[in-house]
Protein backbone atom coordinates (compact mmCIF):
# COMPACT_ATOMS: atom_id res chain seq x y z
CA UNK A 1 -24.01 -2.20 17.64
CA UNK A 2 -20.97 -3.89 19.17
CA UNK A 3 -17.47 -2.51 19.45
CA UNK A 4 -15.42 -2.80 16.28
CA UNK A 5 -12.21 -4.84 16.20
CA UNK A 6 -9.17 -2.67 16.75
CA UNK A 7 -6.77 -3.72 13.98
CA UNK A 8 -7.35 -3.30 10.26
CA UNK A 9 -7.11 -7.01 9.51
CA UNK A 10 -9.74 -7.93 12.11
CA UNK A 11 -12.04 -5.14 10.88
CA UNK A 12 -12.17 -6.82 7.51
CA UNK A 13 -12.10 -10.41 8.79
CA UNK A 14 -8.52 -11.30 7.81
CA UNK A 15 -5.76 -12.94 9.78
CA UNK A 16 -2.82 -10.50 9.89
CA UNK A 17 -0.45 -11.28 7.03
CA UNK A 18 0.94 -9.77 3.87
CA UNK A 19 -0.80 -12.03 1.35
CA UNK A 20 -4.39 -10.84 0.90
CA UNK A 21 -6.71 -11.65 -1.99
CA UNK A 22 -7.64 -8.25 -3.46
CA UNK A 23 -11.03 -9.48 -4.70
CA UNK A 24 -11.94 -10.89 -1.29
CA UNK A 25 -10.78 -7.67 0.38
CA UNK A 26 -13.07 -5.69 -1.93
CA UNK A 27 -16.05 -8.02 -1.31
CA UNK A 28 -15.68 -7.84 2.47
CA UNK A 29 -15.27 -4.07 2.40
CA UNK A 30 -18.40 -3.52 0.29
CA UNK A 31 -20.46 -5.86 2.48
CA UNK A 32 -19.38 -4.07 5.65
CA UNK A 33 -19.90 -0.65 4.07
CA UNK A 34 -23.50 -1.62 3.32
CA UNK A 35 -24.03 -2.48 6.99
CA UNK A 36 -22.62 0.89 8.08
CA UNK A 37 -24.25 3.10 5.45
CA UNK A 38 -25.62 6.32 7.02
CA UNK A 39 -29.12 5.69 5.60
CA UNK A 40 -29.39 2.59 7.82
CA UNK A 41 -28.92 4.79 10.90
CA UNK A 42 -30.96 7.85 9.92
CA UNK A 43 -33.70 7.09 12.45
CA UNK A 44 -31.40 5.82 15.19
CA UNK A 45 -30.35 7.81 18.25
CA UNK A 46 -27.49 10.27 17.78
CA UNK A 47 -25.05 8.12 19.75
CA UNK A 48 -25.69 5.13 17.49
CA UNK A 49 -25.35 7.29 14.36
CA UNK A 50 -22.04 8.64 15.68
CA UNK A 51 -20.78 5.13 16.42
CA UNK A 52 -21.74 3.95 12.94
CA UNK A 53 -19.97 6.92 11.39
CA UNK A 54 -16.84 6.20 13.43
CA UNK A 55 -16.92 2.53 12.44
CA UNK A 56 -17.38 3.47 8.78
CA UNK A 57 -14.38 5.79 9.02
CA UNK A 58 -12.31 3.05 10.68
CA UNK A 59 -13.42 0.61 7.98
CA UNK A 60 -12.40 3.03 5.21
CA UNK A 61 -8.99 3.50 6.81
CA UNK A 62 -8.55 -0.27 7.18
CA UNK A 63 -9.49 -0.86 3.55
CA UNK A 64 -7.17 1.84 2.21
CA UNK A 65 -4.29 0.45 4.28
CA UNK A 66 -4.82 -3.19 3.33
CA UNK A 67 -5.43 -2.63 -0.38
CA UNK A 68 -2.01 -0.97 -0.80
CA UNK A 69 0.86 -3.49 -0.59
CA UNK A 70 3.20 -0.79 0.73
CA UNK A 71 0.77 0.50 3.37
CA UNK A 72 -0.09 -3.09 4.33
CA UNK A 73 3.59 -4.01 4.79
CA UNK A 74 4.26 -0.87 6.83
CA UNK A 75 1.17 -1.53 8.96
CA UNK A 76 2.20 -5.15 9.56
CA UNK A 77 5.66 -4.04 10.63
CA UNK A 78 4.08 -1.53 13.02
CA UNK A 79 1.82 -4.24 14.47
CA UNK A 80 4.94 -6.34 15.04
CA UNK A 81 6.79 -3.48 16.72
CA UNK A 82 8.96 -2.42 13.76
CA UNK A 83 8.35 1.17 12.71
CA UNK A 84 10.02 3.43 10.13
CA UNK A 85 10.58 0.81 7.44
CA UNK A 86 11.05 3.50 4.78
CA UNK A 87 14.53 4.57 5.82
CA UNK A 88 17.03 3.98 3.06
CA UNK A 89 20.14 3.01 4.96
CA UNK A 90 21.02 0.11 2.66
CA UNK A 91 23.96 1.22 0.45
CA UNK A 92 22.97 -1.19 -2.35
CA UNK A 93 19.43 0.18 -2.40
CA UNK A 94 20.71 3.75 -2.31
CA UNK A 95 22.97 3.08 -5.28
CA UNK A 96 20.11 1.45 -7.18
CA UNK A 97 17.86 4.42 -6.40
CA UNK A 98 20.47 6.86 -7.71
CA UNK A 99 20.89 4.83 -10.93
CA UNK A 100 17.13 4.73 -11.50
CA UNK A 101 16.78 8.47 -10.90
CA UNK A 102 19.63 9.25 -13.32
CA UNK A 103 18.11 6.97 -15.96
CA UNK A 104 14.72 8.61 -15.49
CA UNK A 105 16.22 12.09 -15.79
CA UNK A 106 18.06 11.08 -18.97
CA UNK A 107 15.13 9.26 -20.59
CA UNK A 108 14.50 10.83 -23.97
CA UNK A 109 10.96 9.70 -24.70
CA UNK A 110 7.83 8.12 -23.29
CA UNK A 111 8.71 4.68 -24.68
CA UNK A 112 11.98 4.65 -22.76
CA UNK A 113 10.13 5.62 -19.60
CA UNK A 114 7.51 2.95 -20.24
CA UNK A 115 10.30 0.36 -20.33
CA UNK A 116 11.51 1.63 -16.96
CA UNK A 117 7.98 1.43 -15.54
CA UNK A 118 7.61 -2.17 -16.76
CA UNK A 119 10.93 -3.09 -15.17
CA UNK A 120 9.91 -1.43 -11.89
CA UNK A 121 6.58 -3.26 -11.92
CA UNK A 122 8.44 -6.56 -12.33
CA UNK A 123 10.67 -5.61 -9.41
CA UNK A 124 7.60 -4.67 -7.35
CA UNK A 125 6.05 -8.09 -8.01
CA UNK A 126 9.29 -9.76 -6.87
CA UNK A 127 9.42 -7.61 -3.72
CA UNK A 128 5.79 -8.44 -2.92
CA UNK A 129 6.59 -12.16 -3.24
CA UNK A 130 9.60 -11.66 -0.95
CA UNK A 131 7.39 -9.81 1.55
CA UNK A 132 4.86 -12.65 1.55
CA UNK A 133 7.67 -15.07 2.34
CA UNK A 134 9.35 -12.82 4.94
CA UNK A 135 6.14 -12.09 6.84
CA UNK A 136 5.13 -15.75 6.61
CA UNK A 137 8.45 -16.72 8.24
CA UNK A 138 8.20 -13.81 10.72
CA UNK A 139 11.52 -12.53 9.34
CA UNK A 140 11.00 -8.89 10.26
CA UNK A 141 14.51 -7.80 9.25
CA UNK A 142 13.97 -8.97 5.67
CA UNK A 143 10.41 -7.63 5.71
CA UNK A 144 11.67 -4.20 6.77
CA UNK A 145 14.35 -4.15 4.03
CA UNK A 146 11.87 -5.28 1.39
CA UNK A 147 9.32 -2.71 2.58
CA UNK A 148 11.91 0.04 2.15
CA UNK A 149 12.61 -1.26 -1.36
CA UNK A 150 8.89 -1.40 -2.15
CA UNK A 151 8.56 2.20 -0.97
CA UNK A 152 11.35 3.31 -3.26
CA UNK A 153 10.04 1.32 -6.26
CA UNK A 154 6.52 2.64 -5.75
CA UNK A 155 7.75 6.22 -5.60
CA UNK A 156 9.97 5.69 -8.65
CA UNK A 157 7.05 4.27 -10.63
CA UNK A 158 4.86 7.25 -9.72
CA UNK A 159 7.61 9.70 -10.73
CA UNK A 160 8.14 7.84 -14.00
CA UNK A 161 4.43 7.97 -14.80
CA UNK A 162 4.34 11.72 -14.12
CA UNK A 163 7.40 12.22 -16.35
CA UNK A 164 5.87 10.08 -19.11
CA UNK A 165 2.71 12.18 -18.95
CA UNK A 166 4.71 15.43 -19.16
CA UNK A 167 6.61 14.08 -22.17
CA UNK A 168 3.38 12.97 -23.82
CA UNK A 169 1.98 16.48 -23.27
CA UNK A 170 5.05 18.02 -24.86
CA UNK A 171 6.51 19.54 -21.69
CA UNK A 172 9.69 17.51 -21.34
CA UNK A 173 11.23 17.92 -17.93
């Protein structure tokens, strides 16, 4: 068993970049998981079993990172020497976040929240397109700003879904 590639993209056979085909990512992950399945190493020496387990763990981490657009963008920024992309120091983004939170708090029913979720998902798609372009142009400043926005939109969508569920269960919050 040879040493595994060190970065998540190489582990799964991708060139580092934001745009990744989700179906291809899944296919490559499953194929590699089959190769590293513990049953394949049951009769091997302990050192080889341990190496296979470590590679499987690394593969799982790579897959989880690359399948999430937010985690993938943050990881790419880290690879390029830009960390902490989640800081919200953009006054426009801060104002937008406050408006969304107020609207979510004031939403009267699940349908109103569903409309907010749909809007956020549209915004997420636009941010992902902007990230593809920014990373493709190696514009790390724009990529960092868009990653912060994606973080906020992702969190907002999760909060909205939880609120919608509470409303649907009759426990309005």
